Structures are given as structure tokens and as C-alpha cells.
């Protein structure tokens, strides 16, 4: 079992296109299978101000719009988590050129301060692979809720080929460590990558 802890030009998009991106995001195959669908926009609200949440949601929607416009299945194959302008990209794409293009598009979005590129090159050959990641992600949410209670909703989980990415913001590193240790016991998890930001209590 591997556990990693990592420190971690304005585009004009029409309101209609942004609305389409919002409505479509939760329905994308990757969103449904890797993040559990409608929870994709719920990222660590409990540790951020309302303004920060709105800013990050705006960035996320702009990225989704850019991916839709670009084609190459970027919108379907790549997941994004946004925390205080830091963008975590996860997913699977066919080649390095598409991986680079995704990063370029994200840098064009106003408000992006940092990109953490965890996009992998490859493909999911069977539905079984999708189902396995979905199962792991569902288990991760359940284990987190059982371990740390309501605080678990402030974390975002993405699972790609048995690798679980955890993102969020917390003022309780002790609870984070407890949760990470619990995630190790989920069947099928071969690596946990921790991108949680630890903040001091104000």
C-alpha cells in the first residue's frame, strides 16, 4: 500500500454555455463513475468562506466549458477538483498530447493559481474496471463518514485504476490521518494520494 501526501488569460464563456456545463457535469460518465455524480461540486465547503466556494465553483464551471468546447472527450475523461484556485486534474486520456492540451486549457481560466496534473495515459478496457473504481469510491465515502462523521463531506474522492485521490481543506490533521488510515483497508485500493490542505484554526 502506497500513501502519498503532496504539497501542493481570461476566457469569455456565454451564460448559456456555463449553464449547459453545470447541468451536464453531474451526468458525465466519468463524473458518475469516479465521483458519484452530483457530489462533484461539493468540495470542502465547511472549511472555506462562501466567497471562496463561489470562486472555486466559477473556475470549475469555466474549465468544464473549455473542455466541452475543445472536444477530444476531455469533458468526459477528466475530473477536476478546485480548492482556493488550486486545480487537481485526474482521469484517463489516450495520449500525452491530450494530457498537455488539458493543462493548457486550464491555465487559460481566470483565477487558476496552481495545477496538479494527475491525468494518466491509458484506457479502461472493460466495464469491470469502471465498476471497480466506482465501488472503491463509494466505499471511500462510506469509510470516511464512519470514521470522522459529518466532516467527511468536506473531502472529495477520485478513484482511477485503484488509486484514490483525496482533496479538501481541514483544520484537523488528526482526523485526516485517521481517515487516511481507514481508507487503506478498502479492498482494491493500491495507492492513496493526499492533496488535502491543512489550515491553522483562526
Foldseek 3Di string as FASTA:
>chain_A
DAEAEDDDAADDDDPVLLVVLLVCLLVAPQNCLWFNRPLLLQAQPVVDDPVQSVLQVVLQSQLLSLLVVVDQCCNRFWGWDGGQLEIEIEGEHADPVVLVVSVVSSVNHPSRDYYHRHYYYDDDPDVVQSNLNSVLNVVLLVLLCVQPNPSSSNWTWGGDQQEIEIEGEEQDVVSVVRSVVSSVPDPSRDYYYYHYHHDHDD
